[in-house]
N, C-alpha and C. Protein backbone atom coordinates (compact mmCIF):
# COMPACT_ATOMS: atom_id res chain seq x y z
N MET A 1 61.35 -81.60 -37.58
CA MET A 1 60.70 -81.91 -38.87
C MET A 1 61.27 -81.02 -39.97
N ASN A 2 61.71 -81.58 -41.09
CA ASN A 2 62.25 -80.80 -42.18
C ASN A 2 61.11 -80.07 -42.92
N THR A 3 61.49 -79.17 -43.78
CA THR A 3 60.57 -78.31 -44.51
C THR A 3 59.59 -79.17 -45.37
N LYS A 4 60.21 -80.16 -46.08
CA LYS A 4 59.36 -81.01 -46.95
C LYS A 4 58.29 -81.72 -46.19
N ASP A 5 58.65 -82.35 -45.06
CA ASP A 5 57.69 -83.08 -44.27
C ASP A 5 56.65 -82.15 -43.66
N LYS A 6 57.10 -80.94 -43.25
CA LYS A 6 56.16 -80.00 -42.69
C LYS A 6 55.07 -79.55 -43.71
N ILE A 7 55.52 -79.40 -44.96
CA ILE A 7 54.53 -79.05 -46.03
C ILE A 7 53.59 -80.16 -46.20
N ILE A 8 54.10 -81.43 -46.28
CA ILE A 8 53.19 -82.62 -46.51
C ILE A 8 52.19 -82.69 -45.36
N LYS A 9 52.65 -82.57 -44.15
CA LYS A 9 51.71 -82.73 -42.99
C LYS A 9 50.64 -81.66 -42.96
N ASN A 10 51.00 -80.42 -43.22
CA ASN A 10 50.00 -79.31 -43.26
C ASN A 10 49.11 -79.41 -44.47
N ALA A 11 49.66 -79.82 -45.60
CA ALA A 11 48.80 -80.01 -46.76
C ALA A 11 47.76 -81.09 -46.52
N ALA A 12 48.17 -82.20 -45.96
CA ALA A 12 47.25 -83.29 -45.67
C ALA A 12 46.12 -82.87 -44.75
N LYS A 13 46.45 -82.04 -43.74
CA LYS A 13 45.37 -81.56 -42.83
C LYS A 13 44.41 -80.67 -43.58
N LEU A 14 44.88 -79.79 -44.48
CA LEU A 14 44.02 -78.90 -45.20
C LEU A 14 43.21 -79.67 -46.21
N PHE A 15 43.79 -80.66 -46.91
CA PHE A 15 43.04 -81.48 -47.84
C PHE A 15 41.94 -82.21 -47.15
N ALA A 16 42.22 -82.74 -45.95
CA ALA A 16 41.23 -83.46 -45.15
C ALA A 16 40.07 -82.57 -44.74
N LYS A 17 40.41 -81.35 -44.42
CA LYS A 17 39.39 -80.41 -43.89
C LYS A 17 38.49 -79.84 -44.97
N GLN A 18 39.06 -79.50 -46.14
CA GLN A 18 38.26 -78.77 -47.14
C GLN A 18 38.37 -79.32 -48.53
N GLY A 19 39.03 -80.43 -48.71
CA GLY A 19 39.09 -81.05 -50.06
C GLY A 19 40.30 -80.64 -50.81
N PHE A 20 40.57 -81.29 -51.93
CA PHE A 20 41.77 -80.98 -52.73
C PHE A 20 41.57 -79.76 -53.60
N GLN A 21 40.40 -79.56 -54.19
CA GLN A 21 40.18 -78.50 -55.10
C GLN A 21 40.12 -77.10 -54.37
N LYS A 22 39.52 -77.10 -53.18
CA LYS A 22 39.42 -75.81 -52.47
C LYS A 22 40.71 -75.39 -51.78
N THR A 23 41.62 -76.30 -51.62
CA THR A 23 42.83 -75.98 -50.86
C THR A 23 43.85 -75.39 -51.91
N THR A 24 44.40 -74.23 -51.59
CA THR A 24 45.36 -73.57 -52.47
C THR A 24 46.79 -73.74 -51.94
N ILE A 25 47.69 -73.57 -52.84
CA ILE A 25 49.16 -73.58 -52.50
C ILE A 25 49.40 -72.47 -51.47
N LYS A 26 48.75 -71.35 -51.64
CA LYS A 26 48.95 -70.21 -50.70
C LYS A 26 48.51 -70.60 -49.30
N GLN A 27 47.38 -71.27 -49.16
CA GLN A 27 46.95 -71.72 -47.83
C GLN A 27 47.92 -72.68 -47.18
N ILE A 28 48.42 -73.62 -48.05
CA ILE A 28 49.37 -74.64 -47.56
C ILE A 28 50.63 -73.94 -47.05
N ALA A 29 51.10 -72.95 -47.86
CA ALA A 29 52.29 -72.23 -47.49
C ALA A 29 52.13 -71.50 -46.14
N ARG A 30 50.97 -70.89 -45.97
CA ARG A 30 50.64 -70.13 -44.79
C ARG A 30 50.63 -71.07 -43.58
N ASP A 31 49.91 -72.21 -43.67
CA ASP A 31 49.77 -73.11 -42.52
C ASP A 31 51.14 -73.83 -42.21
N ALA A 32 51.92 -74.05 -43.21
CA ALA A 32 53.19 -74.70 -42.97
C ALA A 32 54.30 -73.68 -42.62
N ASN A 33 53.96 -72.39 -42.64
CA ASN A 33 54.88 -71.32 -42.31
C ASN A 33 56.08 -71.33 -43.28
N VAL A 34 55.82 -71.50 -44.54
CA VAL A 34 56.92 -71.47 -45.54
C VAL A 34 56.40 -70.59 -46.70
N ASN A 35 57.28 -70.23 -47.62
CA ASN A 35 56.84 -69.47 -48.74
C ASN A 35 56.46 -70.40 -49.93
N ILE A 36 55.72 -69.84 -50.89
CA ILE A 36 55.30 -70.66 -52.01
C ILE A 36 56.47 -71.24 -52.80
N ALA A 37 57.52 -70.45 -52.85
CA ALA A 37 58.71 -70.93 -53.55
C ALA A 37 59.25 -72.25 -52.97
N ALA A 38 59.12 -72.40 -51.66
CA ALA A 38 59.59 -73.65 -50.97
C ALA A 38 58.78 -74.86 -51.48
N ILE A 39 57.43 -74.63 -51.57
CA ILE A 39 56.56 -75.70 -52.11
C ILE A 39 56.94 -76.07 -53.52
N ASN A 40 57.11 -74.99 -54.32
CA ASN A 40 57.45 -75.28 -55.73
C ASN A 40 58.82 -76.00 -55.82
N TYR A 41 59.74 -75.61 -54.98
CA TYR A 41 61.08 -76.26 -55.01
C TYR A 41 60.97 -77.73 -54.70
N HIS A 42 60.24 -78.05 -53.64
CA HIS A 42 60.20 -79.46 -53.19
C HIS A 42 59.26 -80.33 -54.00
N PHE A 43 58.22 -79.74 -54.60
CA PHE A 43 57.18 -80.60 -55.24
C PHE A 43 56.95 -80.20 -56.72
N GLY A 44 57.14 -78.99 -57.05
CA GLY A 44 56.97 -78.53 -58.48
C GLY A 44 55.60 -78.20 -58.86
N SER A 45 54.57 -78.81 -58.21
CA SER A 45 53.14 -78.51 -58.59
C SER A 45 52.24 -79.04 -57.48
N LYS A 46 51.02 -78.53 -57.50
CA LYS A 46 50.06 -79.00 -56.52
C LYS A 46 49.72 -80.49 -56.67
N TYR A 47 49.65 -80.96 -57.93
CA TYR A 47 49.36 -82.35 -58.18
C TYR A 47 50.50 -83.26 -57.58
N ALA A 48 51.75 -82.80 -57.77
CA ALA A 48 52.88 -83.57 -57.26
C ALA A 48 52.80 -83.65 -55.72
N LEU A 49 52.43 -82.48 -55.07
CA LEU A 49 52.28 -82.53 -53.67
C LEU A 49 51.16 -83.46 -53.21
N ILE A 50 50.05 -83.45 -53.88
CA ILE A 50 48.91 -84.35 -53.55
C ILE A 50 49.38 -85.78 -53.69
N GLU A 51 50.09 -86.12 -54.74
CA GLU A 51 50.60 -87.47 -54.92
C GLU A 51 51.50 -87.91 -53.76
N LYS A 52 52.38 -86.99 -53.31
CA LYS A 52 53.28 -87.33 -52.19
C LYS A 52 52.52 -87.45 -50.92
N VAL A 53 51.47 -86.65 -50.67
CA VAL A 53 50.64 -86.73 -49.46
C VAL A 53 50.00 -88.10 -49.44
N VAL A 54 49.37 -88.51 -50.53
CA VAL A 54 48.68 -89.76 -50.61
C VAL A 54 49.64 -90.96 -50.40
N GLU A 55 50.84 -90.83 -50.98
CA GLU A 55 51.86 -91.85 -50.81
C GLU A 55 52.28 -91.96 -49.35
N GLN A 56 52.63 -90.82 -48.78
CA GLN A 56 53.16 -90.86 -47.39
C GLN A 56 52.12 -91.31 -46.35
N ILE A 57 50.89 -90.88 -46.53
CA ILE A 57 49.83 -91.19 -45.58
C ILE A 57 49.35 -92.67 -45.69
N TYR A 58 49.21 -93.13 -46.92
CA TYR A 58 48.58 -94.45 -47.10
C TYR A 58 49.55 -95.58 -47.30
N THR A 59 50.80 -95.36 -47.58
CA THR A 59 51.74 -96.48 -47.72
C THR A 59 51.79 -97.34 -46.43
N PRO A 60 51.96 -96.69 -45.20
CA PRO A 60 51.99 -97.56 -44.04
C PRO A 60 50.71 -98.30 -43.79
N ILE A 61 49.59 -97.72 -44.07
CA ILE A 61 48.28 -98.41 -43.92
C ILE A 61 48.13 -99.59 -44.84
N ASN A 62 48.51 -99.36 -46.15
CA ASN A 62 48.34 -100.45 -47.10
C ASN A 62 49.41 -101.51 -46.87
N ASN A 63 50.55 -101.13 -46.36
CA ASN A 63 51.58 -102.17 -46.03
C ASN A 63 51.06 -103.04 -44.86
N GLU A 64 50.37 -102.41 -43.91
CA GLU A 64 49.82 -103.18 -42.84
C GLU A 64 48.71 -104.12 -43.35
N ARG A 65 47.88 -103.68 -44.27
CA ARG A 65 46.90 -104.55 -44.88
C ARG A 65 47.53 -105.72 -45.60
N ILE A 66 48.58 -105.43 -46.36
CA ILE A 66 49.29 -106.47 -47.10
C ILE A 66 49.86 -107.51 -46.14
N LYS A 67 50.52 -107.01 -45.08
CA LYS A 67 51.10 -107.87 -44.02
C LYS A 67 50.06 -108.80 -43.41
N LYS A 68 48.89 -108.28 -43.05
CA LYS A 68 47.87 -109.03 -42.42
C LYS A 68 47.26 -110.06 -43.43
N LEU A 69 47.04 -109.66 -44.64
CA LEU A 69 46.51 -110.52 -45.68
C LEU A 69 47.50 -111.64 -46.00
N ASN A 70 48.78 -111.31 -46.00
CA ASN A 70 49.79 -112.35 -46.27
C ASN A 70 49.85 -113.39 -45.22
N ILE A 71 49.62 -112.99 -43.97
CA ILE A 71 49.60 -113.92 -42.83
C ILE A 71 48.46 -114.95 -43.06
N ILE A 72 47.31 -114.40 -43.46
CA ILE A 72 46.18 -115.29 -43.75
C ILE A 72 46.51 -116.25 -44.91
N LYS A 73 47.11 -115.74 -45.93
CA LYS A 73 47.43 -116.48 -47.13
C LYS A 73 48.41 -117.60 -46.82
N VAL A 74 49.45 -117.28 -46.04
CA VAL A 74 50.50 -118.27 -45.73
C VAL A 74 50.12 -119.31 -44.73
N ASN A 75 49.36 -118.89 -43.71
CA ASN A 75 48.97 -119.77 -42.61
C ASN A 75 47.73 -120.62 -42.85
N ASN A 76 47.03 -120.37 -43.92
CA ASN A 76 45.79 -121.05 -44.12
C ASN A 76 45.78 -121.61 -45.60
N LYS A 77 46.30 -122.83 -45.76
CA LYS A 77 46.37 -123.34 -47.07
C LYS A 77 44.94 -123.73 -47.56
N GLN A 78 44.09 -124.14 -46.62
CA GLN A 78 42.71 -124.48 -46.97
C GLN A 78 41.84 -123.26 -46.87
N LYS A 79 41.43 -122.80 -48.01
CA LYS A 79 40.62 -121.53 -48.04
C LYS A 79 39.11 -121.91 -48.03
N ASP A 80 38.41 -121.37 -47.02
CA ASP A 80 37.00 -121.54 -47.00
C ASP A 80 36.30 -120.40 -46.23
N ILE A 81 35.06 -120.48 -46.05
CA ILE A 81 34.24 -119.39 -45.50
C ILE A 81 34.71 -118.97 -44.10
N SER A 82 35.37 -119.90 -43.36
CA SER A 82 35.78 -119.59 -42.00
C SER A 82 36.86 -118.50 -41.97
N LEU A 83 37.49 -118.20 -43.12
CA LEU A 83 38.48 -117.16 -43.19
C LEU A 83 37.94 -115.76 -43.52
N VAL A 84 36.68 -115.68 -43.88
CA VAL A 84 36.14 -114.39 -44.43
C VAL A 84 36.24 -113.29 -43.40
N LYS A 85 35.86 -113.50 -42.17
CA LYS A 85 35.91 -112.43 -41.20
C LYS A 85 37.35 -111.95 -40.96
N GLY A 86 38.28 -112.91 -40.94
CA GLY A 86 39.67 -112.50 -40.77
C GLY A 86 40.20 -111.71 -41.94
N ILE A 87 39.77 -112.09 -43.16
CA ILE A 87 40.12 -111.32 -44.36
C ILE A 87 39.56 -109.90 -44.28
N LEU A 88 38.32 -109.82 -43.88
CA LEU A 88 37.66 -108.51 -43.77
C LEU A 88 38.36 -107.65 -42.72
N ARG A 89 38.70 -108.22 -41.63
CA ARG A 89 39.39 -107.44 -40.60
C ARG A 89 40.76 -106.94 -41.06
N ALA A 90 41.49 -107.79 -41.75
CA ALA A 90 42.80 -107.43 -42.22
C ALA A 90 42.76 -106.22 -43.18
N PHE A 91 41.66 -106.10 -43.89
CA PHE A 91 41.51 -105.03 -44.88
C PHE A 91 40.90 -103.78 -44.31
N ILE A 92 39.87 -103.98 -43.46
CA ILE A 92 39.10 -102.84 -42.90
C ILE A 92 39.78 -102.10 -41.72
N GLU A 93 40.36 -102.90 -40.89
CA GLU A 93 40.86 -102.35 -39.59
C GLU A 93 41.98 -101.37 -39.66
N PRO A 94 43.02 -101.51 -40.50
CA PRO A 94 44.20 -100.65 -40.43
C PRO A 94 43.96 -99.15 -40.50
N PRO A 95 43.13 -98.58 -41.38
CA PRO A 95 42.96 -97.12 -41.34
C PRO A 95 42.28 -96.62 -40.06
N PHE A 96 41.36 -97.38 -39.50
CA PHE A 96 40.65 -96.95 -38.26
C PHE A 96 41.72 -97.02 -37.10
N THR A 97 42.47 -98.06 -36.99
CA THR A 97 43.40 -98.18 -35.84
C THR A 97 44.52 -97.17 -35.93
N ALA A 98 44.99 -96.90 -37.19
CA ALA A 98 46.03 -95.87 -37.39
C ALA A 98 45.53 -94.52 -36.96
N GLU A 99 44.28 -94.22 -37.28
CA GLU A 99 43.72 -92.91 -37.00
C GLU A 99 43.70 -92.68 -35.48
N PHE A 100 43.36 -93.70 -34.72
CA PHE A 100 43.14 -93.46 -33.32
C PHE A 100 44.37 -93.83 -32.42
N ALA A 101 45.40 -94.28 -33.14
CA ALA A 101 46.61 -94.64 -32.36
C ALA A 101 47.54 -93.43 -32.15
N ASP A 102 47.45 -92.47 -33.04
CA ASP A 102 48.34 -91.32 -33.01
C ASP A 102 47.54 -90.05 -33.24
N LYS A 103 47.61 -89.09 -32.27
CA LYS A 103 46.83 -87.86 -32.40
C LYS A 103 47.30 -87.03 -33.57
N ASP A 104 48.56 -87.21 -34.07
CA ASP A 104 49.06 -86.47 -35.18
C ASP A 104 48.49 -86.91 -36.51
N THR A 105 47.78 -88.06 -36.53
CA THR A 105 47.13 -88.53 -37.77
C THR A 105 45.62 -88.56 -37.70
N ARG A 106 45.05 -87.76 -36.82
CA ARG A 106 43.61 -87.81 -36.64
C ARG A 106 42.78 -87.20 -37.83
N PHE A 107 43.53 -86.79 -38.86
CA PHE A 107 42.85 -86.30 -40.07
C PHE A 107 42.72 -87.44 -41.12
N LEU A 108 43.25 -88.61 -40.81
CA LEU A 108 43.33 -89.67 -41.77
C LEU A 108 41.96 -90.08 -42.34
N LEU A 109 40.98 -90.29 -41.52
CA LEU A 109 39.66 -90.67 -41.92
C LEU A 109 39.00 -89.62 -42.78
N ALA A 110 39.23 -88.37 -42.39
CA ALA A 110 38.65 -87.24 -43.15
C ALA A 110 39.26 -87.16 -44.54
N LEU A 111 40.60 -87.45 -44.58
CA LEU A 111 41.28 -87.40 -45.88
C LEU A 111 40.75 -88.57 -46.75
N SER A 112 40.53 -89.71 -46.16
CA SER A 112 40.00 -90.84 -46.93
C SER A 112 38.61 -90.50 -47.52
N TYR A 113 37.80 -89.88 -46.71
CA TYR A 113 36.49 -89.50 -47.15
C TYR A 113 36.56 -88.49 -48.30
N GLN A 114 37.46 -87.53 -48.16
CA GLN A 114 37.61 -86.52 -49.19
C GLN A 114 38.06 -87.17 -50.55
N ILE A 115 38.92 -88.10 -50.46
CA ILE A 115 39.38 -88.82 -51.67
C ILE A 115 38.18 -89.49 -52.39
N PHE A 116 37.26 -90.08 -51.62
CA PHE A 116 36.17 -90.75 -52.26
C PHE A 116 35.12 -89.79 -52.77
N LEU A 117 35.23 -88.48 -52.39
CA LEU A 117 34.36 -87.47 -52.98
C LEU A 117 34.96 -86.83 -54.24
N GLU A 118 36.27 -87.07 -54.41
CA GLU A 118 37.02 -86.41 -55.47
C GLU A 118 36.57 -86.85 -56.88
N ARG A 119 36.59 -85.88 -57.78
CA ARG A 119 36.21 -86.13 -59.20
C ARG A 119 37.36 -85.97 -60.14
N ASP A 120 38.45 -85.47 -59.69
CA ASP A 120 39.60 -85.31 -60.51
C ASP A 120 40.27 -86.64 -60.80
N LYS A 121 40.37 -87.01 -62.10
CA LYS A 121 40.90 -88.36 -62.43
C LYS A 121 42.33 -88.56 -61.96
N LYS A 122 43.15 -87.51 -62.02
CA LYS A 122 44.60 -87.67 -61.59
C LYS A 122 44.64 -88.00 -60.06
N ILE A 123 43.86 -87.29 -59.32
CA ILE A 123 43.91 -87.54 -57.89
C ILE A 123 43.37 -88.93 -57.50
N ILE A 124 42.31 -89.32 -58.15
CA ILE A 124 41.73 -90.62 -57.91
C ILE A 124 42.78 -91.72 -58.31
N THR A 125 43.46 -91.49 -59.44
CA THR A 125 44.49 -92.42 -59.89
C THR A 125 45.64 -92.55 -58.84
N TYR A 126 46.06 -91.49 -58.26
CA TYR A 126 47.12 -91.53 -57.21
C TYR A 126 46.72 -92.46 -56.10
N PHE A 127 45.44 -92.26 -55.64
CA PHE A 127 44.91 -93.09 -54.55
C PHE A 127 44.78 -94.55 -54.98
N MET A 128 44.21 -94.80 -56.12
CA MET A 128 43.95 -96.18 -56.53
C MET A 128 45.28 -96.91 -56.72
N LEU A 129 46.29 -96.24 -57.19
CA LEU A 129 47.63 -96.94 -57.36
C LEU A 129 48.18 -97.37 -55.98
N GLN A 130 47.92 -96.55 -54.95
CA GLN A 130 48.38 -96.95 -53.58
C GLN A 130 47.54 -98.10 -53.09
N PHE A 131 46.28 -98.14 -53.50
CA PHE A 131 45.26 -99.05 -53.00
C PHE A 131 45.25 -100.39 -53.74
N LYS A 132 45.88 -100.41 -54.92
CA LYS A 132 45.73 -101.51 -55.85
C LYS A 132 46.16 -102.89 -55.27
N LYS A 133 47.37 -102.95 -54.73
CA LYS A 133 47.89 -104.26 -54.27
C LYS A 133 47.08 -104.83 -53.16
N PRO A 134 46.78 -104.14 -52.05
CA PRO A 134 45.97 -104.71 -50.97
C PRO A 134 44.54 -105.08 -51.51
N LEU A 135 43.98 -104.22 -52.35
CA LEU A 135 42.65 -104.48 -52.85
C LEU A 135 42.62 -105.80 -53.63
N CYS A 136 43.57 -105.97 -54.52
CA CYS A 136 43.69 -107.20 -55.34
C CYS A 136 43.89 -108.43 -54.46
N MET A 137 44.73 -108.30 -53.41
CA MET A 137 44.92 -109.40 -52.49
C MET A 137 43.64 -109.71 -51.73
N PHE A 138 42.95 -108.71 -51.28
CA PHE A 138 41.66 -108.79 -50.59
C PHE A 138 40.64 -109.60 -51.43
N PHE A 139 40.53 -109.15 -52.69
CA PHE A 139 39.58 -109.84 -53.58
C PHE A 139 39.96 -111.23 -53.87
N GLN A 140 41.23 -111.51 -54.08
CA GLN A 140 41.75 -112.90 -54.36
C GLN A 140 41.46 -113.82 -53.20
N LEU A 141 41.76 -113.38 -51.99
CA LEU A 141 41.53 -114.24 -50.87
C LEU A 141 40.05 -114.50 -50.61
N LEU A 142 39.23 -113.50 -50.87
CA LEU A 142 37.80 -113.74 -50.74
C LEU A 142 37.29 -114.66 -51.82
N SER A 143 37.85 -114.52 -53.05
CA SER A 143 37.43 -115.43 -54.17
C SER A 143 37.74 -116.86 -53.77
N GLU A 144 38.91 -117.09 -53.23
CA GLU A 144 39.33 -118.44 -52.85
C GLU A 144 38.51 -119.02 -51.70
N ALA A 145 38.10 -118.13 -50.77
CA ALA A 145 37.32 -118.54 -49.60
C ALA A 145 35.84 -118.79 -49.96
N LEU A 146 35.40 -118.08 -51.02
CA LEU A 146 33.98 -118.12 -51.42
C LEU A 146 33.83 -118.49 -52.89
N PRO A 147 34.24 -119.66 -53.28
CA PRO A 147 34.28 -120.04 -54.72
C PRO A 147 32.89 -120.13 -55.32
N TYR A 148 31.86 -120.28 -54.47
CA TYR A 148 30.46 -120.35 -55.02
C TYR A 148 29.90 -119.00 -55.45
N ILE A 149 30.56 -117.93 -55.10
CA ILE A 149 30.10 -116.61 -55.49
C ILE A 149 30.81 -116.18 -56.79
N PRO A 150 30.04 -115.90 -57.82
CA PRO A 150 30.69 -115.47 -59.14
C PRO A 150 31.51 -114.22 -58.89
N LYS A 151 32.65 -114.14 -59.60
CA LYS A 151 33.60 -113.05 -59.33
C LYS A 151 32.99 -111.66 -59.65
N ASN A 152 32.10 -111.60 -60.66
CA ASN A 152 31.53 -110.28 -60.94
C ASN A 152 30.62 -109.82 -59.76
N ILE A 153 29.92 -110.79 -59.15
CA ILE A 153 29.09 -110.45 -57.92
C ILE A 153 29.94 -110.09 -56.79
N LEU A 154 30.99 -110.87 -56.58
CA LEU A 154 31.88 -110.62 -55.42
C LEU A 154 32.56 -109.23 -55.54
N SER A 155 32.91 -108.84 -56.78
CA SER A 155 33.63 -107.58 -56.95
C SER A 155 32.72 -106.45 -56.53
N TRP A 156 31.41 -106.52 -56.81
CA TRP A 156 30.45 -105.52 -56.36
C TRP A 156 30.35 -105.52 -54.81
N ARG A 157 30.33 -106.72 -54.22
CA ARG A 157 30.24 -106.80 -52.78
C ARG A 157 31.44 -106.20 -52.11
N VAL A 158 32.59 -106.39 -52.74
CA VAL A 158 33.86 -105.81 -52.21
C VAL A 158 33.67 -104.25 -52.19
N HIS A 159 33.18 -103.68 -53.26
CA HIS A 159 33.00 -102.24 -53.31
C HIS A 159 31.89 -101.76 -52.36
N PHE A 160 30.85 -102.59 -52.18
CA PHE A 160 29.81 -102.25 -51.16
C PHE A 160 30.48 -102.14 -49.79
N THR A 161 31.37 -103.14 -49.48
CA THR A 161 32.09 -103.16 -48.22
C THR A 161 32.91 -101.91 -48.03
N ILE A 162 33.59 -101.49 -49.05
CA ILE A 162 34.43 -100.27 -48.98
C ILE A 162 33.48 -99.08 -48.71
N GLY A 163 32.31 -99.05 -49.28
CA GLY A 163 31.39 -97.98 -49.12
C GLY A 163 30.90 -97.94 -47.68
N VAL A 164 30.69 -99.10 -47.09
CA VAL A 164 30.26 -99.14 -45.65
C VAL A 164 31.37 -98.54 -44.74
N ALA A 165 32.63 -98.88 -45.04
CA ALA A 165 33.71 -98.37 -44.26
C ALA A 165 33.87 -96.86 -44.42
N ILE A 166 33.73 -96.40 -45.64
CA ILE A 166 33.81 -94.94 -45.91
C ILE A 166 32.70 -94.15 -45.21
N ASN A 167 31.51 -94.74 -45.22
CA ASN A 167 30.42 -94.07 -44.52
C ASN A 167 30.63 -94.02 -43.01
N ALA A 168 31.25 -95.05 -42.50
CA ALA A 168 31.58 -95.06 -41.03
C ALA A 168 32.61 -93.94 -40.76
N MET A 169 33.55 -93.75 -41.67
CA MET A 169 34.53 -92.71 -41.50
C MET A 169 33.78 -91.33 -41.47
N LYS A 170 32.88 -91.16 -42.39
CA LYS A 170 32.10 -89.89 -42.49
C LYS A 170 31.38 -89.62 -41.15
N ILE A 171 30.76 -90.66 -40.60
CA ILE A 171 29.95 -90.48 -39.38
C ILE A 171 30.90 -90.12 -38.21
N LEU A 172 32.12 -90.69 -38.20
CA LEU A 172 33.09 -90.40 -37.14
C LEU A 172 33.59 -88.96 -37.19
N ILE A 173 33.68 -88.38 -38.38
CA ILE A 173 34.37 -87.11 -38.57
C ILE A 173 33.42 -85.94 -38.70
N LEU A 174 32.16 -86.16 -39.16
CA LEU A 174 31.24 -85.09 -39.43
C LEU A 174 30.06 -85.14 -38.50
N PRO A 175 29.82 -84.04 -37.76
CA PRO A 175 28.66 -84.04 -36.85
C PRO A 175 27.33 -84.02 -37.66
N PHE A 176 26.33 -84.72 -37.20
CA PHE A 176 25.07 -84.75 -37.89
C PHE A 176 24.29 -83.44 -37.62
N PRO A 177 23.78 -82.76 -38.70
CA PRO A 177 23.06 -81.52 -38.52
C PRO A 177 21.71 -81.74 -37.80
N ILE A 178 21.18 -83.01 -37.92
CA ILE A 178 19.96 -83.38 -37.23
C ILE A 178 20.31 -84.54 -36.27
N PRO A 179 20.59 -84.29 -35.00
CA PRO A 179 21.04 -85.32 -34.11
C PRO A 179 20.19 -86.57 -34.03
N GLU A 180 18.89 -86.39 -34.23
CA GLU A 180 17.98 -87.57 -34.12
C GLU A 180 18.21 -88.57 -35.23
N MET A 181 18.90 -88.14 -36.32
CA MET A 181 19.14 -89.01 -37.44
C MET A 181 20.50 -89.69 -37.32
N ALA A 182 21.27 -89.29 -36.35
CA ALA A 182 22.61 -89.88 -36.17
C ALA A 182 22.51 -91.28 -35.55
N PRO A 183 23.49 -92.17 -35.86
CA PRO A 183 23.48 -93.51 -35.21
C PRO A 183 23.75 -93.30 -33.74
N MET A 184 23.20 -94.26 -32.95
CA MET A 184 23.41 -94.22 -31.49
C MET A 184 24.89 -94.41 -31.19
N PRO A 185 25.36 -93.84 -30.06
CA PRO A 185 26.75 -93.95 -29.68
C PRO A 185 27.22 -95.43 -29.60
N ILE A 186 28.45 -95.60 -29.92
CA ILE A 186 29.04 -96.98 -29.84
C ILE A 186 30.24 -96.88 -28.85
N ALA A 187 30.49 -97.95 -28.15
CA ALA A 187 31.43 -97.89 -26.99
C ALA A 187 32.81 -97.42 -27.35
N ASN A 188 33.40 -97.99 -28.42
CA ASN A 188 34.79 -97.65 -28.75
C ASN A 188 34.99 -98.02 -30.22
N ILE A 189 36.21 -97.69 -30.71
CA ILE A 189 36.53 -97.92 -32.13
C ILE A 189 36.61 -99.37 -32.45
N ASP A 190 36.96 -100.25 -31.50
CA ASP A 190 37.01 -101.64 -31.72
C ASP A 190 35.63 -102.24 -31.97
N GLU A 191 34.67 -101.74 -31.18
CA GLU A 191 33.29 -102.18 -31.40
C GLU A 191 32.75 -101.76 -32.78
N LEU A 192 33.14 -100.53 -33.18
CA LEU A 192 32.73 -100.05 -34.46
C LEU A 192 33.27 -100.94 -35.61
N ILE A 193 34.54 -101.27 -35.50
CA ILE A 193 35.17 -102.13 -36.51
C ILE A 193 34.50 -103.46 -36.53
N ASP A 194 34.17 -104.04 -35.36
CA ASP A 194 33.42 -105.28 -35.28
C ASP A 194 32.11 -105.19 -36.01
N GLN A 195 31.41 -104.11 -35.82
CA GLN A 195 30.07 -103.92 -36.50
C GLN A 195 30.20 -103.84 -37.98
N ILE A 196 31.20 -103.12 -38.48
CA ILE A 196 31.42 -102.98 -39.93
C ILE A 196 31.73 -104.42 -40.47
N ILE A 197 32.56 -105.18 -39.78
CA ILE A 197 32.85 -106.53 -40.24
C ILE A 197 31.66 -107.40 -40.25
N GLU A 198 30.86 -107.38 -39.18
CA GLU A 198 29.66 -108.24 -39.14
C GLU A 198 28.71 -107.91 -40.23
N PHE A 199 28.50 -106.64 -40.47
CA PHE A 199 27.57 -106.21 -41.54
C PHE A 199 28.08 -106.64 -42.92
N SER A 200 29.37 -106.39 -43.14
CA SER A 200 29.98 -106.68 -44.44
C SER A 200 30.03 -108.22 -44.68
N TYR A 201 30.31 -109.00 -43.60
CA TYR A 201 30.33 -110.40 -43.72
C TYR A 201 29.00 -110.96 -44.18
N ALA A 202 27.91 -110.47 -43.51
CA ALA A 202 26.59 -111.02 -43.91
C ALA A 202 26.27 -110.72 -45.37
N GLY A 203 26.66 -109.58 -45.87
CA GLY A 203 26.40 -109.28 -47.29
C GLY A 203 27.29 -110.05 -48.23
N ILE A 204 28.55 -110.19 -47.87
CA ILE A 204 29.50 -110.89 -48.78
C ILE A 204 29.20 -112.40 -48.94
N ILE A 205 28.84 -113.04 -47.88
CA ILE A 205 28.65 -114.50 -47.98
C ILE A 205 27.29 -114.89 -48.48
N SER A 206 26.39 -113.93 -48.71
CA SER A 206 25.01 -114.22 -49.11
C SER A 206 25.06 -115.09 -50.40
N THR A 207 24.12 -116.07 -50.46
CA THR A 207 24.03 -116.91 -51.68
C THR A 207 23.12 -116.38 -52.76
N THR A 208 22.55 -115.19 -52.51
CA THR A 208 21.70 -114.54 -53.54
C THR A 208 22.62 -113.81 -54.45
N ASN A 209 22.69 -114.25 -55.76
CA ASN A 209 23.70 -113.73 -56.67
C ASN A 209 23.10 -112.77 -57.73
N LYS A 210 21.98 -112.28 -57.45
CA LYS A 210 21.36 -111.31 -58.50
C LYS A 210 21.68 -109.86 -58.15
N ILE A 211 22.23 -109.18 -59.16
CA ILE A 211 22.45 -107.74 -59.01
C ILE A 211 21.85 -107.04 -60.23
């Protein structure tokens, strides 16, 4: 692994563990076993490093989302409610399966959760730019499959769905301080994904349009 990739990998792990604001260039240099000058040489600033981390981690995931959504778009000329669960799976599944497919990326869900806690506009923008194309495809396919739902209502339901997925990520990565309040164990990651999809499906297809 070259120096640049080593910095990105160690930075991503630190960002996932303690957030973007609390992580310092000094800590990243220490964990990557490089000097600060090497980080400045390759990235120029902490913001530039964050942008590169977000790009490198999420590009494969969002490409997988786009690939799966395109398959649905191309293979199903007739758009109707029967496609909704497949559309949800194409969008929701990739980050969970990527996390558990490779032990070297087990920080991915934690990093996603940290991004959704972030208040810095620049960092949020880096993430949203990565997220934009698959999110727009997701919304468009749902709009075509559910024409009876006004787009302003559907847009909120899409964001509710994202919230459900992010909360599931949080539950997977953070131990509950009060065990009695934790959800009961689930058999495996595939079952968890199925439950997220079932819950989101019920909310998205609802005919109650008042918010």
